[in-house]
N, C-alpha and C. Protein backbone atom coordinates (compact mmCIF):
# COMPACT_ATOMS: atom_id res chain seq x y z
N MET A 1 0.60 -1.54 -0.03
CA MET A 1 0.03 -0.04 0.13
C MET A 1 0.95 1.19 0.25
N THR A 2 0.62 2.40 -1.13
CA THR A 2 1.52 3.22 -0.93
C THR A 2 1.27 4.27 0.12
N ALA A 3 2.06 5.11 0.57
CA ALA A 3 2.42 6.49 2.02
C ALA A 3 0.83 7.45 1.09
N LEU A 4 0.68 7.89 2.19
CA LEU A 4 -0.35 8.91 2.12
C LEU A 4 0.10 9.95 2.61
N HIS A 5 -0.06 11.32 1.96
CA HIS A 5 -0.02 12.45 2.13
C HIS A 5 -1.24 13.19 2.53
N TYR A 6 -1.16 14.07 3.28
CA TYR A 6 -1.97 14.78 3.86
C TYR A 6 -2.42 16.43 3.78
N ARG A 7 -3.39 16.99 3.57
CA ARG A 7 -3.18 18.74 2.99
C ARG A 7 -4.90 19.22 3.55
N GLU A 8 -4.86 20.18 3.94
CA GLU A 8 -6.44 21.38 3.66
C GLU A 8 -6.38 20.91 2.10
N ALA A 9 -7.78 20.94 2.18
CA ALA A 9 -8.69 20.64 0.56
C ALA A 9 -9.00 22.27 0.05
N ARG A 10 -8.74 22.33 -1.07
CA ARG A 10 -8.64 23.73 -2.21
C ARG A 10 -9.97 23.71 -2.59
N PRO A 11 -10.65 24.48 -3.43
CA PRO A 11 -11.70 24.47 -4.20
C PRO A 11 -11.33 24.00 -5.22
N GLU A 12 -10.56 23.66 -6.04
CA GLU A 12 -10.29 22.74 -7.06
C GLU A 12 -10.60 21.54 -6.58
N ASP A 13 -10.98 20.91 -5.18
CA ASP A 13 -10.74 19.45 -5.15
C ASP A 13 -11.85 19.19 -4.91
N ALA A 14 -13.35 20.06 -5.44
CA ALA A 14 -14.64 19.93 -5.11
C ALA A 14 -14.98 18.54 -5.94
N GLU A 15 -14.39 18.24 -7.14
CA GLU A 15 -14.99 17.36 -7.86
C GLU A 15 -14.61 15.69 -7.45
N GLN A 16 -12.82 15.68 -6.91
CA GLN A 16 -12.97 14.41 -6.49
C GLN A 16 -13.34 14.13 -5.10
N VAL A 17 -13.44 15.29 -4.22
CA VAL A 17 -14.33 14.86 -2.62
C VAL A 17 -15.67 14.38 -3.16
N ALA A 18 -16.43 15.18 -4.08
CA ALA A 18 -17.72 14.36 -4.45
C ALA A 18 -17.67 13.25 -5.08
N LEU A 19 -17.16 13.01 -5.61
CA LEU A 19 -17.17 11.55 -6.52
C LEU A 19 -16.57 10.57 -5.31
N LEU A 20 -15.95 10.76 -4.25
CA LEU A 20 -15.77 9.47 -2.97
C LEU A 20 -16.76 9.91 -2.26
N HIS A 21 -17.30 11.40 -1.54
CA HIS A 21 -18.65 11.40 -1.40
C HIS A 21 -19.83 10.52 -1.71
N ALA A 22 -20.00 10.52 -2.87
CA ALA A 22 -21.45 9.89 -3.74
C ALA A 22 -20.89 8.48 -3.70
N ASP A 23 -19.79 7.71 -3.91
CA ASP A 23 -19.43 6.25 -4.11
C ASP A 23 -19.45 6.24 -2.43
N SER A 24 -19.08 6.41 -1.72
CA SER A 24 -19.42 6.41 -0.25
C SER A 24 -20.76 6.25 0.77
N TRP A 25 -21.24 7.04 -0.03
CA TRP A 25 -23.31 6.96 -0.08
C TRP A 25 -23.51 5.55 -0.44
N ARG A 26 -23.16 5.14 -2.19
CA ARG A 26 -24.01 4.69 -2.58
C ARG A 26 -23.78 3.17 -2.20
N ARG A 27 -22.29 2.84 -1.48
CA ARG A 27 -21.79 1.77 -0.87
C ARG A 27 -22.41 1.60 0.65
N HIS A 28 -22.68 2.83 1.41
CA HIS A 28 -23.56 2.50 2.89
C HIS A 28 -24.52 3.41 2.93
N TYR A 29 -25.07 4.04 2.41
CA TYR A 29 -26.28 4.52 2.67
C TYR A 29 -27.95 3.97 2.25
N ARG A 30 -27.17 2.76 0.86
CA ARG A 30 -28.63 1.80 0.20
C ARG A 30 -29.21 1.30 1.62
N GLY A 31 -30.75 1.54 1.42
CA GLY A 31 -31.08 1.51 2.43
C GLY A 31 -31.98 2.40 2.94
N ALA A 32 -31.34 3.57 3.44
CA ALA A 32 -31.66 4.46 3.98
C ALA A 32 -32.01 5.49 3.04
N TYR A 33 -31.30 6.10 2.06
CA TYR A 33 -31.55 6.67 1.32
C TYR A 33 -32.39 5.78 0.10
N SER A 34 -32.99 6.35 -1.23
CA SER A 34 -33.65 5.99 -2.27
C SER A 34 -32.50 5.25 -2.96
N ASP A 35 -32.94 4.01 -3.68
CA ASP A 35 -31.82 3.88 -4.69
C ASP A 35 -32.34 4.72 -6.09
N ALA A 36 -33.27 5.59 -6.34
CA ALA A 36 -33.06 6.24 -7.40
C ALA A 36 -32.13 7.36 -6.90
N PHE A 37 -32.24 8.17 -5.61
CA PHE A 37 -31.24 9.03 -5.80
C PHE A 37 -29.93 8.62 -5.63
N LEU A 38 -29.61 7.49 -5.10
CA LEU A 38 -28.06 7.14 -5.07
C LEU A 38 -27.71 6.72 -6.07
N ASP A 39 -28.95 6.24 -7.25
CA ASP A 39 -27.95 6.01 -8.59
C ASP A 39 -28.38 6.92 -9.33
N GLY A 40 -29.29 7.94 -8.86
CA GLY A 40 -29.41 8.93 -10.08
C GLY A 40 -28.57 10.01 -9.70
N ASP A 41 -29.42 11.01 -8.57
CA ASP A 41 -28.83 12.83 -8.46
C ASP A 41 -27.66 12.86 -7.40
N VAL A 42 -26.95 11.76 -6.90
CA VAL A 42 -26.23 12.04 -5.65
C VAL A 42 -25.08 12.54 -5.76
N LEU A 43 -24.69 12.06 -7.02
CA LEU A 43 -22.62 12.84 -7.43
C LEU A 43 -23.35 14.63 -7.86
N ASP A 44 -24.57 14.79 -8.36
CA ASP A 44 -24.66 16.51 -8.69
C ASP A 44 -24.92 16.75 -7.42
N ASP A 45 -25.67 16.27 -6.55
CA ASP A 45 -25.82 16.90 -5.27
C ASP A 45 -24.50 16.97 -4.11
N ARG A 46 -23.61 16.19 -4.58
CA ARG A 46 -22.31 16.22 -3.77
C ARG A 46 -21.92 17.40 -4.42
N ARG A 47 -21.93 17.36 -5.83
CA ARG A 47 -21.20 18.47 -6.31
C ARG A 47 -21.06 19.80 -6.03
N ALA A 48 -22.90 19.78 -5.96
CA ALA A 48 -23.08 21.31 -5.61
C ALA A 48 -22.92 21.54 -4.50
N VAL A 49 -22.83 20.55 -3.09
CA VAL A 49 -22.39 20.66 -1.43
C VAL A 49 -20.89 21.10 -1.83
N TRP A 50 -20.29 20.23 -2.21
CA TRP A 50 -18.40 20.25 -2.07
C TRP A 50 -18.37 21.62 -2.78
N SER A 51 -18.66 21.82 -4.21
CA SER A 51 -18.01 23.58 -4.91
C SER A 51 -18.49 24.55 -3.89
N THR A 52 -19.45 24.86 -3.17
CA THR A 52 -20.26 25.70 -2.34
C THR A 52 -19.49 25.68 -1.12
N ARG A 53 -19.05 24.27 -0.51
CA ARG A 53 -18.73 24.05 0.77
C ARG A 53 -17.05 24.91 0.70
N LEU A 54 -16.00 24.57 -0.34
CA LEU A 54 -14.82 24.46 -0.48
C LEU A 54 -14.91 26.04 -1.20
N ALA A 55 -15.37 26.31 -1.41
CA ALA A 55 -15.42 27.88 -1.87
C ALA A 55 -15.50 29.01 -0.97
N ALA A 56 -16.22 28.44 -0.02
CA ALA A 56 -16.03 29.39 1.11
C ALA A 56 -15.76 28.43 2.90
N PRO A 57 -14.47 28.14 2.62
CA PRO A 57 -14.64 27.35 3.63
C PRO A 57 -14.12 28.13 5.05
N ALA A 58 -14.63 29.02 4.97
CA ALA A 58 -14.88 30.18 6.87
C ALA A 58 -15.42 29.03 7.88
N GLY A 59 -14.71 28.88 8.98
CA GLY A 59 -15.20 28.15 10.38
C GLY A 59 -15.07 26.86 10.08
N SER A 60 -14.70 26.38 8.97
CA SER A 60 -14.85 24.94 8.69
C SER A 60 -13.49 24.66 8.43
N ALA A 61 -12.86 22.83 8.48
CA ALA A 61 -11.65 22.23 8.41
C ALA A 61 -11.89 21.25 7.34
N THR A 62 -11.34 21.14 6.22
CA THR A 62 -11.65 19.96 5.16
C THR A 62 -9.98 19.39 4.96
N VAL A 63 -9.85 18.02 5.70
CA VAL A 63 -8.39 17.80 5.05
C VAL A 63 -8.37 16.56 4.31
N LEU A 64 -7.72 16.35 3.67
CA LEU A 64 -7.72 15.42 2.54
C LEU A 64 -6.52 14.60 2.57
N ALA A 65 -6.69 13.15 2.35
CA ALA A 65 -5.58 12.27 2.43
C ALA A 65 -5.48 11.57 1.01
N GLU A 66 -4.21 11.78 0.29
CA GLU A 66 -3.84 10.83 -1.04
C GLU A 66 -2.77 10.23 -1.09
N ASP A 67 -2.97 9.16 -2.03
CA ASP A 67 -1.95 8.45 -2.53
C ASP A 67 -1.85 8.27 -3.93
N ALA A 68 -0.63 7.17 -4.37
CA ALA A 68 -0.67 7.35 -5.45
C ALA A 68 -2.03 7.12 -6.71
N GLU A 69 -2.58 6.73 -6.02
CA GLU A 69 -4.14 6.89 -7.10
C GLU A 69 -4.86 7.42 -7.09
N GLY A 70 -4.85 8.85 -6.26
CA GLY A 70 -5.56 9.92 -5.90
C GLY A 70 -6.22 9.92 -4.82
N LEU A 71 -7.16 10.74 -4.47
CA LEU A 71 -7.89 10.80 -3.18
C LEU A 71 -8.27 9.78 -2.44
N ALA A 72 -7.92 9.45 -0.75
CA ALA A 72 -8.14 8.19 -0.44
C ALA A 72 -8.91 8.35 0.86
N GLY A 73 -9.13 9.57 1.39
CA GLY A 73 -10.08 9.71 2.03
C GLY A 73 -10.59 11.50 2.42
N PHE A 74 -11.42 11.57 3.43
CA PHE A 74 -11.17 13.35 3.86
C PHE A 74 -11.88 13.08 4.73
N VAL A 75 -12.18 13.93 5.83
CA VAL A 75 -12.60 14.78 6.84
C VAL A 75 -13.16 16.12 6.66
N HIS A 76 -14.23 16.42 6.93
CA HIS A 76 -14.78 17.66 6.78
C HIS A 76 -15.30 17.66 8.03
N LEU A 77 -14.78 19.52 9.08
CA LEU A 77 -15.52 19.51 10.31
C LEU A 77 -16.42 20.96 9.94
N VAL A 78 -17.22 21.28 10.86
CA VAL A 78 -17.73 22.50 11.35
C VAL A 78 -17.15 23.11 12.63
N LEU A 79 -16.72 24.02 12.56
CA LEU A 79 -15.69 24.40 13.61
C LEU A 79 -17.12 25.08 14.74
N ASP A 80 -17.01 24.69 15.61
CA ASP A 80 -17.81 25.65 16.92
C ASP A 80 -19.76 25.60 16.51
N HIS A 81 -19.76 24.02 16.35
CA HIS A 81 -21.13 24.24 15.37
C HIS A 81 -22.07 24.27 16.25
N ASP A 82 -21.95 23.54 17.43
CA ASP A 82 -23.13 23.26 18.58
C ASP A 82 -22.82 24.19 19.74
N GLY A 83 -23.16 24.60 20.66
CA GLY A 83 -23.21 25.05 21.86
C GLY A 83 -22.57 24.20 23.14
N ARG A 84 -23.81 22.89 22.29
CA ARG A 84 -23.69 21.93 23.47
C ARG A 84 -22.44 21.03 23.53
N TRP A 85 -22.56 20.39 22.11
CA TRP A 85 -22.00 19.52 21.37
C TRP A 85 -20.45 19.26 20.67
N GLY A 86 -20.25 20.79 20.39
CA GLY A 86 -19.12 21.47 20.01
C GLY A 86 -19.19 21.25 18.62
N SER A 87 -17.78 20.97 17.92
CA SER A 87 -17.69 21.14 16.53
C SER A 87 -17.80 19.85 15.90
N LEU A 88 -18.72 19.93 14.80
CA LEU A 88 -19.04 18.76 13.81
C LEU A 88 -18.28 18.44 13.05
N VAL A 89 -17.76 16.77 12.64
CA VAL A 89 -17.40 15.95 11.99
C VAL A 89 -18.64 15.89 11.61
N ASP A 90 -18.44 16.73 10.17
CA ASP A 90 -19.80 16.53 8.96
C ASP A 90 -19.63 15.31 8.24
N ASN A 91 -18.25 15.07 8.07
CA ASN A 91 -18.10 14.17 6.64
C ASN A 91 -16.80 13.39 7.26
N LEU A 92 -16.80 12.05 7.21
CA LEU A 92 -15.34 11.77 7.47
C LEU A 92 -15.81 10.62 6.28
N HIS A 93 -14.82 10.08 5.06
CA HIS A 93 -15.46 9.20 3.95
C HIS A 93 -13.92 8.86 3.72
N VAL A 94 -13.78 7.28 3.57
CA VAL A 94 -12.30 6.81 3.22
C VAL A 94 -12.52 5.80 1.80
N ALA A 95 -11.66 6.00 0.69
CA ALA A 95 -11.99 5.34 -0.24
C ALA A 95 -11.68 3.65 0.18
N HIS A 96 -12.70 3.00 -0.58
CA HIS A 96 -13.12 1.73 -0.50
C HIS A 96 -11.38 0.97 -0.62
N ARG A 97 -10.79 1.23 -1.21
CA ARG A 97 -9.40 0.60 -1.72
C ARG A 97 -8.59 0.94 -0.32
N ARG A 98 -8.77 1.71 1.03
CA ARG A 98 -8.16 2.25 1.68
C ARG A 98 -8.38 2.07 3.11
N HIS A 99 -9.87 1.29 2.97
CA HIS A 99 -10.80 0.79 4.41
C HIS A 99 -9.94 -0.45 5.70
N ARG A 100 -9.67 0.04 6.51
CA ARG A 100 -9.15 -0.70 7.41
C ARG A 100 -7.82 -0.77 7.46
N THR A 101 -7.12 0.40 6.82
CA THR A 101 -5.77 0.80 6.65
C THR A 101 -5.15 1.82 7.58
N GLY A 102 -6.01 2.47 8.65
CA GLY A 102 -4.92 3.57 9.89
C GLY A 102 -5.93 4.96 9.15
N THR A 103 -6.71 4.81 7.55
CA THR A 103 -6.67 6.20 6.93
C THR A 103 -7.82 6.91 7.74
N GLY A 104 -8.71 6.60 7.88
CA GLY A 104 -10.03 6.83 8.63
C GLY A 104 -9.52 7.54 10.43
N THR A 105 -8.85 6.65 10.60
CA THR A 105 -8.16 6.85 12.74
C THR A 105 -7.29 8.04 12.39
N GLU A 106 -6.25 8.15 11.11
CA GLU A 106 -5.34 9.29 11.04
C GLU A 106 -6.21 10.55 10.36
N LEU A 107 -7.31 10.36 9.59
CA LEU A 107 -7.91 11.91 9.73
C LEU A 107 -8.99 12.07 10.91
N LEU A 108 -9.54 11.39 11.21
CA LEU A 108 -10.31 11.76 12.23
C LEU A 108 -9.05 12.82 13.85
N ALA A 109 -7.99 12.04 13.25
CA ALA A 109 -7.14 12.38 14.50
C ALA A 109 -6.80 14.04 13.92
N ARG A 110 -6.54 14.02 12.18
CA ARG A 110 -6.25 15.45 11.77
C ARG A 110 -7.21 16.18 12.29
N GLY A 111 -8.89 15.92 12.12
CA GLY A 111 -9.76 16.67 12.30
C GLY A 111 -9.76 17.58 14.09
N ALA A 112 -9.57 16.29 14.91
CA ALA A 112 -9.13 16.51 16.19
C ALA A 112 -7.99 18.19 16.20
N ARG A 113 -7.04 17.65 15.57
CA ARG A 113 -5.97 18.60 15.68
C ARG A 113 -6.69 19.82 14.97
N ALA A 114 -7.27 19.81 14.13
CA ALA A 114 -8.00 21.41 13.84
C ALA A 114 -8.98 21.83 14.93
N VAL A 115 -9.85 20.80 15.77
CA VAL A 115 -10.72 21.51 16.59
C VAL A 115 -9.87 22.08 18.21
N ALA A 116 -8.35 21.30 18.26
CA ALA A 116 -7.64 21.97 19.21
C ALA A 116 -7.24 23.29 18.83
N GLU A 117 -6.61 23.71 17.72
CA GLU A 117 -6.23 24.48 17.31
C GLU A 117 -6.82 25.67 16.64
N ARG A 118 -8.40 25.63 16.63
CA ARG A 118 -9.15 26.60 15.98
C ARG A 118 -11.01 26.62 16.29
N ALA A 119 -10.94 25.99 17.15
CA ALA A 119 -12.10 26.17 17.90
C ALA A 119 -12.23 26.95 19.10
N ALA A 120 -13.42 27.00 19.83
CA ALA A 120 -13.27 27.47 20.79
C ALA A 120 -13.28 26.67 21.89
N GLY A 121 -14.21 25.27 21.48
CA GLY A 121 -14.14 24.36 22.60
C GLY A 121 -13.64 23.32 22.20
N PRO A 122 -13.78 22.50 23.33
CA PRO A 122 -12.53 21.19 23.10
C PRO A 122 -13.83 19.73 22.58
N SER A 123 -14.68 19.98 22.92
CA SER A 123 -15.74 18.83 21.91
C SER A 123 -15.91 18.81 21.04
N VAL A 124 -16.33 17.67 20.42
CA VAL A 124 -16.50 17.03 18.82
C VAL A 124 -17.60 16.26 18.73
N TYR A 125 -18.55 16.21 17.86
CA TYR A 125 -19.33 14.91 17.74
C TYR A 125 -19.59 14.73 16.14
N LEU A 126 -20.37 13.82 15.42
CA LEU A 126 -20.75 13.20 14.95
C LEU A 126 -22.01 12.66 14.66
N TRP A 127 -22.67 12.38 13.53
CA TRP A 127 -23.93 11.70 13.20
C TRP A 127 -23.27 10.54 12.28
N VAL A 128 -24.14 9.30 12.54
CA VAL A 128 -23.94 7.92 12.10
C VAL A 128 -25.03 7.25 11.59
N LEU A 129 -25.36 7.22 10.35
CA LEU A 129 -26.60 6.21 9.97
C LEU A 129 -26.72 5.03 11.09
N GLU A 130 -27.69 4.80 11.69
CA GLU A 130 -27.98 3.70 12.68
C GLU A 130 -27.73 2.28 11.91
N GLN A 131 -28.07 2.17 10.52
CA GLN A 131 -27.56 0.79 9.94
C GLN A 131 -26.34 0.67 9.92
N ASN A 132 -25.40 1.51 9.83
CA ASN A 132 -24.21 1.54 9.47
C ASN A 132 -23.50 1.34 10.72
N THR A 133 -23.60 -0.06 10.89
CA THR A 133 -22.97 -1.11 12.31
C THR A 133 -21.39 -1.20 12.28
N ASP A 134 -20.97 -0.88 11.35
CA ASP A 134 -19.28 -1.01 11.03
C ASP A 134 -18.76 0.30 11.53
N ALA A 135 -19.39 1.66 10.97
CA ALA A 135 -18.96 2.70 11.29
C ALA A 135 -19.16 3.38 13.07
N GLN A 136 -20.08 2.67 13.39
CA GLN A 136 -20.58 2.94 14.82
C GLN A 136 -19.42 2.29 15.54
N GLN A 137 -19.19 0.88 15.22
CA GLN A 137 -17.96 -0.17 15.88
C GLN A 137 -16.63 0.81 15.29
N PHE A 138 -16.79 1.49 14.98
CA PHE A 138 -15.27 1.97 14.59
C PHE A 138 -15.14 3.54 15.08
N TYR A 139 -16.28 4.48 15.85
CA TYR A 139 -16.21 5.08 16.74
C TYR A 139 -16.17 4.78 17.74
N ARG A 140 -16.81 3.86 18.21
CA ARG A 140 -16.76 3.15 19.52
C ARG A 140 -15.19 2.91 20.15
N ALA A 141 -14.52 2.58 19.17
CA ALA A 141 -13.10 1.99 19.06
C ALA A 141 -12.02 3.29 19.54
N ARG A 142 -12.75 4.27 19.20
CA ARG A 142 -11.91 5.64 19.52
C ARG A 142 -12.65 6.25 20.54
N GLY A 143 -13.27 5.43 21.31
CA GLY A 143 -13.63 6.74 22.26
C GLY A 143 -14.89 7.03 22.16
N GLY A 144 -15.61 7.25 21.45
CA GLY A 144 -17.22 7.95 21.15
C GLY A 144 -18.32 7.12 21.76
N THR A 145 -18.64 7.71 22.18
CA THR A 145 -20.23 7.77 22.71
C THR A 145 -21.62 8.03 22.11
N CYS A 146 -22.53 7.13 22.38
CA CYS A 146 -23.65 7.07 21.34
C CYS A 146 -23.74 8.03 22.55
N VAL A 147 -24.78 8.74 22.19
CA VAL A 147 -25.42 10.07 22.98
C VAL A 147 -26.93 10.23 22.68
N GLU A 148 -27.93 9.89 21.57
CA GLU A 148 -28.53 10.57 20.93
C GLU A 148 -28.74 9.69 19.77
N ARG A 149 -30.47 9.32 19.77
CA ARG A 149 -30.99 8.71 18.01
C ARG A 149 -32.12 10.17 17.68
N THR A 150 -32.08 10.04 16.56
CA THR A 150 -32.73 10.77 15.93
C THR A 150 -33.45 10.09 14.55
N ALA A 151 -34.48 11.24 13.68
CA ALA A 151 -34.44 10.84 12.49
C ALA A 151 -33.59 11.55 11.65
N VAL A 152 -33.41 10.54 10.41
CA VAL A 152 -32.66 11.79 9.52
C VAL A 152 -33.14 12.50 8.33
N PRO A 153 -32.84 13.49 8.14
CA PRO A 153 -33.60 14.42 7.50
C PRO A 153 -33.38 14.21 5.71
N PRO A 154 -34.35 14.26 5.29
CA PRO A 154 -34.08 13.77 3.48
C PRO A 154 -32.92 14.57 2.85
N PRO A 155 -32.19 14.08 2.26
CA PRO A 155 -30.98 14.95 1.54
C PRO A 155 -31.84 15.92 0.27
N GLY A 156 -31.51 17.37 0.33
CA GLY A 156 -32.24 18.22 -0.28
C GLY A 156 -33.61 18.67 0.16
N GLY A 157 -34.02 17.50 1.36
CA GLY A 157 -35.19 18.50 2.16
C GLY A 157 -36.05 17.87 1.36
N ASP A 158 -36.08 16.39 0.58
CA ASP A 158 -37.10 15.65 -0.62
C ASP A 158 -36.82 14.47 0.19
N PRO A 159 -38.24 13.96 0.87
CA PRO A 159 -38.48 12.89 1.50
C PRO A 159 -38.44 11.61 0.27
N SER A 160 -38.54 12.05 -0.89
CA SER A 160 -38.88 10.58 -1.67
C SER A 160 -37.33 10.28 -1.80
N GLN A 161 -36.36 11.49 -1.56
CA GLN A 161 -34.70 10.78 -1.68
C GLN A 161 -34.81 9.30 -0.61
N LEU A 162 -35.50 9.51 0.32
CA LEU A 162 -35.30 8.57 1.79
C LEU A 162 -35.97 7.49 1.39
N HIS A 163 -35.75 6.24 1.87
CA HIS A 163 -35.94 4.74 1.84
C HIS A 163 -36.88 4.73 3.01
N GLY A 164 -38.25 4.94 3.65
CA GLY A 164 -38.79 4.62 4.81
C GLY A 164 -38.17 5.66 5.77
N ALA A 165 -38.18 5.47 7.36
CA ALA A 165 -37.75 6.06 7.83
C ALA A 165 -36.78 6.14 8.77
N PRO A 166 -35.46 6.12 8.22
CA PRO A 166 -34.07 5.72 8.48
C PRO A 166 -33.70 6.95 9.68
N ALA A 167 -32.78 6.17 11.23
CA ALA A 167 -32.22 7.04 12.11
C ALA A 167 -30.56 7.07 11.73
N LYS A 168 -30.64 8.21 12.90
CA LYS A 168 -29.31 8.05 13.08
C LYS A 168 -28.49 8.21 14.47
N LEU A 169 -27.62 8.40 14.62
CA LEU A 169 -26.83 8.47 15.94
C LEU A 169 -26.02 9.18 15.98
N ARG A 170 -25.97 10.07 16.80
CA ARG A 170 -25.23 11.11 17.45
C ARG A 170 -24.42 10.55 18.32
N PHE A 171 -22.58 10.63 17.88
CA PHE A 171 -21.36 10.08 18.69
C PHE A 171 -20.79 11.42 19.18
N ALA A 172 -20.37 11.35 20.30
CA ALA A 172 -19.84 12.32 20.96
C ALA A 172 -18.58 11.96 21.73
N TRP A 173 -17.63 13.10 21.72
CA TRP A 173 -16.44 13.13 22.36
C TRP A 173 -16.07 14.33 23.23
N ARG A 174 -16.13 14.08 24.79
CA ARG A 174 -15.82 15.60 25.45
C ARG A 174 -14.87 16.20 25.12
N ASP A 175 -13.64 15.82 24.65
CA ASP A 175 -12.40 16.54 24.58
C ASP A 175 -11.82 15.87 23.05
N ALA A 176 -11.57 16.38 21.92
CA ALA A 176 -11.15 15.84 20.83
C ALA A 176 -9.65 15.39 20.84
N ALA A 177 -9.09 16.03 21.90
CA ALA A 177 -8.02 15.35 22.41
C ALA A 177 -7.86 13.74 22.20
N ALA A 178 -8.55 13.08 22.67
CA ALA A 178 -8.96 11.44 22.71
C ALA A 178 -8.93 11.34 21.84
N LEU A 179 -9.03 12.07 20.55
CA LEU A 179 -8.81 11.26 19.44
C LEU A 179 -7.34 11.27 18.36
N LEU A 180 -6.50 12.16 19.14
CA LEU A 180 -5.21 12.04 19.08
C LEU A 180 -4.35 11.27 19.37
N PRO A 181 -3.15 10.20 18.73
CA PRO A 181 -2.50 9.27 18.57
C PRO A 181 -1.72 10.37 20.23
N ALA A 182 -1.13 9.35 20.61
CA ALA A 182 0.02 8.97 21.79
C ALA A 182 1.47 10.24 20.82
N ARG A 183 1.86 9.53 20.33
CA ARG A 183 3.15 10.68 19.32
C ARG A 183 2.34 10.79 18.04
N PRO A 184 2.71 12.18 18.11
CA PRO A 184 1.75 12.61 16.65
C PRO A 184 2.76 12.30 15.30
N PRO A 185 1.94 12.58 14.44
CA PRO A 185 2.36 11.97 12.96
C PRO A 185 3.71 12.50 12.67
N ARG A 186 4.44 12.59 11.92
CA ARG A 186 5.45 13.36 10.82
C ARG A 186 4.66 14.55 9.96
N PRO A 187 4.86 15.57 9.82
CA PRO A 187 4.23 16.30 9.06
C PRO A 187 3.82 16.24 7.86
N ASP A 188 4.58 15.56 7.20
CA ASP A 188 4.46 15.65 5.40
C ASP A 188 3.94 13.62 5.41
N ARG A 189 3.41 13.42 6.62
CA ARG A 189 2.62 12.20 6.40
C ARG A 189 0.92 12.32 6.30
């Protein structure tokens, strides 16, 4: 497996981020989001989201992981998103070829560093689909605590893009420092 390089996302990265995000949703959100949405409009939806986010990144942090094959994963945080829960890990996606290689763990740690360096408070949280038990196991193994269950809002506010009434779970960490490794990685990795 080739080495990874990490860097902050730029506006010109929107297409690659959208492609990975759409692929991840197609793999992991089937059964919660409608097949028509996942097989149709999801890529256009993600392109619009990422073009906007990366063009105006104020109050957020997006870190990319790249290898010789291209984008290997990314984490996107909205800093100080919630007065109670802190900064939101709004997205963490890893290319299928990089699953179970430590890429997600390192991206989460780099997101935690952004919280420590740029957020007003240390708390961090995220939402995960109730059906995504692998992701829940990943977050629990990194010290996350499930603190809430609620309904998934439909993408773009369109209820037809959901399949049934899926639920999501809030995982929280009181201090993002819990996501940092004991020894920081080299800056160029």
